[in-house]
Protein backbone atom coordinates (compact mmCIF):
# COMPACT_ATOMS: atom_id res chain seq x y z
CA TYR A 1 7.39 -13.42 -27.81
CA LEU A 2 5.77 -14.62 -24.62
CA ARG A 3 4.22 -17.58 -26.27
CA ASP A 4 7.60 -18.78 -27.57
CA LEU A 5 8.90 -18.40 -23.96
CA LEU A 6 6.35 -20.20 -22.52
CA ASP A 7 6.77 -23.10 -24.98
CA ARG A 8 10.25 -23.36 -24.10
CA THR A 9 9.60 -24.18 -20.39
CA LYS A 10 8.65 -27.73 -21.08
CA ASP A 11 11.90 -29.26 -19.68
CA GLU A 12 14.33 -28.26 -17.15
CA LYS A 13 17.22 -27.86 -19.81
CA SER A 14 15.51 -25.00 -21.26
CA VAL A 15 15.60 -22.97 -18.04
CA ASP A 16 18.89 -21.40 -18.94
CA LEU A 17 17.76 -20.47 -22.37
CA VAL A 18 14.54 -18.79 -21.03
CA LEU A 19 16.66 -17.05 -18.58
CA GLU A 20 18.93 -15.88 -21.55
CA ASP A 21 15.89 -14.79 -23.55
CA ILE A 22 14.39 -12.91 -20.51
CA GLY A 23 17.97 -11.33 -19.85
CA ARG A 24 18.16 -10.08 -23.37
CA HIS A 25 14.41 -9.01 -23.66
CA TYR A 26 15.06 -6.60 -20.71
CA ASP A 27 18.79 -5.79 -21.82
CA ALA A 28 19.84 -6.82 -18.36
CA ASP A 29 22.98 -7.93 -16.81
CA ARG A 30 21.77 -11.01 -14.99
CA ALA A 31 18.54 -13.10 -15.24
CA TYR A 32 18.02 -15.59 -12.45
CA LEU A 33 15.87 -17.89 -10.35
CA PHE A 34 15.64 -17.98 -6.39
CA GLU A 35 13.99 -20.64 -4.47
CA LEU A 36 13.24 -20.63 -0.80
CA ASP A 37 14.50 -23.55 1.25
CA SER A 38 12.34 -26.14 2.45
CA ILE A 39 11.64 -24.23 5.90
CA GLY A 40 11.31 -21.21 4.11
CA SER A 41 14.30 -19.48 6.01
CA CYS A 42 16.77 -18.81 3.07
CA TRP A 43 16.83 -17.81 -0.41
CA ASN A 44 19.03 -19.88 -2.98
CA ASN A 45 20.09 -18.74 -6.39
CA THR A 46 19.31 -21.94 -8.42
CA TYR A 47 19.66 -20.92 -11.96
CA GLU A 48 21.31 -17.93 -13.52
CA TRP A 49 22.23 -16.34 -17.01
CA CYS A 50 24.88 -13.55 -17.13
CA ARG A 51 25.31 -11.10 -20.14
CA GLU A 52 28.94 -11.45 -21.50
CA GLY A 53 31.45 -9.46 -19.26
CA VAL A 54 29.25 -9.88 -16.09
CA ASN A 55 30.54 -11.87 -13.39
CA PRO A 56 28.11 -14.69 -12.14
CA GLU A 57 26.79 -14.53 -8.53
CA LYS A 58 25.11 -17.67 -8.21
CA ASP A 59 27.83 -19.33 -6.09
CA ASN A 60 27.83 -16.27 -3.72
CA LEU A 61 23.92 -16.32 -3.34
CA GLN A 62 23.09 -19.26 -1.41
CA ASN A 63 21.52 -19.45 2.12
CA ILE A 64 20.51 -15.72 1.99
CA PRO A 65 18.62 -15.22 5.31
CA VAL A 66 14.95 -14.05 4.73
CA GLU A 67 15.11 -11.85 7.73
CA GLY A 68 15.97 -8.14 6.51
CA LEU A 69 14.37 -8.62 3.28
CA GLU A 70 10.52 -8.64 4.42
CA CYS A 71 9.97 -5.59 2.03
CA TRP A 72 10.31 -8.27 -0.99
CA PHE A 73 7.72 -10.46 0.63
CA GLU A 74 5.47 -7.42 1.13
CA ALA A 75 5.93 -6.27 -2.52
CA PHE A 76 5.46 -9.85 -3.89
CA GLU A 77 2.19 -10.27 -1.83
CA ASN A 78 0.87 -6.58 -2.28
CA GLU A 79 1.86 -5.88 -5.75
CA GLY A 80 2.83 -9.24 -7.38
CA GLU A 81 6.43 -7.94 -8.06
CA PHE A 82 9.36 -6.10 -6.57
CA PHE A 83 10.99 -3.49 -8.37
CA ILE A 84 13.80 -1.09 -7.73
CA SER A 85 14.46 1.89 -10.17
CA SER A 86 17.54 3.13 -8.35
CA LEU A 87 19.07 1.36 -5.50
CA SER A 88 20.91 4.49 -4.25
CA GLU A 89 17.85 6.62 -4.17
CA ASP A 90 15.29 3.89 -2.78
CA TYR A 91 17.45 2.29 0.06
CA THR A 92 19.84 3.40 2.56
CA PRO A 93 23.36 1.94 2.89
CA ASP A 94 22.52 0.32 6.26
CA SER A 95 19.54 -1.41 4.81
CA ARG A 96 19.77 -5.23 4.16
CA THR A 97 18.56 -4.76 0.53
CA TYR A 98 21.36 -2.22 -0.11
CA GLN A 99 23.95 -4.43 1.52
CA ILE A 100 23.06 -7.62 -0.79
CA LEU A 101 22.64 -5.66 -3.98
CA GLU A 102 25.28 -2.94 -3.93
CA PRO A 103 28.44 -5.29 -3.92
CA GLN A 104 27.04 -6.97 -6.95
CA GLY A 105 26.84 -3.83 -8.79
CA ILE A 106 23.08 -3.92 -8.84
CA GLU A 107 21.50 -0.34 -9.39
CA SER A 108 18.10 -1.44 -10.56
CA LEU A 109 16.07 -4.71 -10.31
CA MET A 110 12.71 -6.35 -11.42
CA ALA A 111 11.55 -9.62 -9.96
CA ALA A 112 8.17 -11.74 -9.83
CA PRO A 113 7.31 -14.29 -7.48
CA PHE A 114 6.38 -17.91 -7.78
CA ILE A 115 3.31 -18.87 -5.56
CA VAL A 116 2.73 -22.33 -4.75
CA GLY A 117 -0.17 -23.25 -2.50
CA GLY A 118 -0.79 -19.50 -1.65
CA LYS A 119 2.86 -18.96 -0.57
CA ILE A 120 6.02 -17.38 -2.13
CA ALA A 121 8.22 -20.28 -3.24
CA GLY A 122 10.71 -18.23 -5.07
CA PHE A 123 11.13 -15.64 -7.77
CA LEU A 124 12.56 -14.83 -11.14
CA GLY A 125 14.43 -11.57 -11.57
CA VAL A 126 16.59 -9.54 -13.62
CA ASP A 127 19.43 -7.10 -12.62
CA ASN A 128 19.98 -3.57 -14.14
CA PRO A 129 17.38 -3.93 -16.92
CA ARG A 130 17.69 -1.19 -19.53
CA ARG A 131 14.76 -1.99 -21.67
CA ASN A 132 10.98 -2.86 -21.30
CA THR A 133 10.95 -2.14 -17.74
CA ASP A 134 7.10 -1.41 -18.03
CA GLU A 135 6.57 -5.08 -18.73
CA LEU A 136 6.52 -6.46 -15.24
CA LEU A 137 3.47 -8.61 -16.13
CA MET A 138 5.51 -10.65 -18.77
CA LEU A 139 7.87 -11.32 -15.97
CA GLN A 140 5.13 -12.57 -13.68
CA VAL A 141 3.65 -14.85 -16.27
CA VAL A 142 7.14 -16.51 -17.23
CA ALA A 143 7.85 -16.86 -13.61
CA SER A 144 4.70 -18.72 -12.97
CA SER A 145 5.29 -20.97 -16.03
CA LEU A 146 8.87 -21.76 -15.15
CA TYR A 147 7.93 -22.84 -11.65
CA GLY A 148 4.72 -24.73 -12.68
CA GLU A 149 6.43 -26.64 -15.42
CA VAL A 150 9.90 -27.08 -14.54
CA LEU A 151 11.27 -26.44 -11.14
CA THR A 152 8.39 -28.28 -9.37
CA ARG A 153 9.39 -31.39 -11.49
CA HIS A 154 13.02 -30.63 -10.65
CA GLN A 155 12.12 -30.55 -6.93
CA MET A 156 10.35 -33.62 -6.96
CA ASP A 157 13.12 -35.43 -8.83
CA THR A 158 15.62 -34.15 -6.23
CA ARG A 159 13.60 -35.15 -3.34
CA LEU A 160 13.23 -38.64 -4.80
CA GLN A 161 16.74 -39.03 -5.31
CA GLU A 162 17.51 -37.93 -1.77
CA ARG A 163 15.03 -40.56 -0.42
CA MET A 164 16.45 -43.30 -2.61
CA HIS A 165 19.85 -42.45 -1.37
CA ILE A 166 18.61 -42.89 2.29
CA ILE A 167 17.09 -46.19 1.54
CA GLN A 168 20.08 -47.46 -0.32
CA SER A 169 22.37 -46.45 2.60
CA MET A 170 20.21 -48.51 5.22
């Protein structure tokens, strides 16, 4: 199964299919990618798959300040993943994590970071996983593959297009 997923990451168009596969594997409500902005101050939801009947959140999850989510970075750095088994038991209502996740109907969450140049550049996550929650290593491997194979290329293309636009407008 993992080999099939990794083979699908050869082009950007397949990201949505990989997210769907990941979402279904974990029987999750959503599967998504977040990337840090260029200065590392905000998270942006860049790709998303939703189970039928689940509302998309991608448009609502742009420019999420990093402040207040230090526990995510600590977990990524120390454990290689971030896992919430029960939002209501693991976090208080006044915590930033609770305030972001609870309005989306998220009670549990699994996420694995993308590491680029020794720094966290983003993460792959699933909301409300109901199955295979002991398989965090698979999420980590797919996250690394997606970032290395697809998203880095996407970022380079975007930067090139931005530079071309600047040059053309001179």
